[in-house]
């Protein structure tokens, strides 16, 4: 399997996240300092302190979103790549290839696959068309440490829309015609326990991924695979 990564794009996003995190800490210090001046400046100092604290938390949330998506400790390809070792070199995996693309794509004779990772652990259920997790207490704790589960299928639809727009803008009509992206929802947390009934798309853990691609029947001609790799990887080198 070949791997594509736009390293300059990733490092730029990590830098933005780090700047936001440091700025939030600075605002926290400012807010604390202003709180000490309430006796001298009264209500104005209190309002300024609250404004600084609110700004700090907003920046912290913004920066955390960036570091959790692109930071080396949290990147989801650290789970996806090992799970796909052994997939033959006719397949190319794209990780953070471009601004307008889904984070993780796999292209080969078996088709164009969109891997949508979720880092959530614990019990994750999909029953009767609805997602649910464990107890309220565990949900709150995991939401703070991992981020909320949200609606994973809505996330899938969003990235499929991104991919369609990108291909329509950058690919030829012949490339786009008849091309169907195949989404896979992957729960990468080793502590995830999936209880999924009749999902509309495949939902699995990383260890199950390899089987999907080994069993995939060829649906794309070599020249179409080559063009897809060129279009999706136009901002990076394949290697």
Foldseek 3Di string as FASTA:
>chain_A
DWEWEPVVLLVVLLVLLVVLLVQLVVLQVVLVVLVVCCVPVNPVSPVSSVVSNVSSVVSNVVSVVSCLDRNPVRHLVVQQVVLQPPQDPQKYWYAHQDDLAQRIWIFGQLAIEHEAEAAAAAEWEADPNDIDGDDPVVQVVRCVVRNHPPDVVVVVVVNVVSVLVLCVVQHDPVLNVPHDYAYAYEHAHPRHDYHYDPDPHHYYYSNCVNVCSVPRDGDDDSVSSVRVCCSSNVSTDID
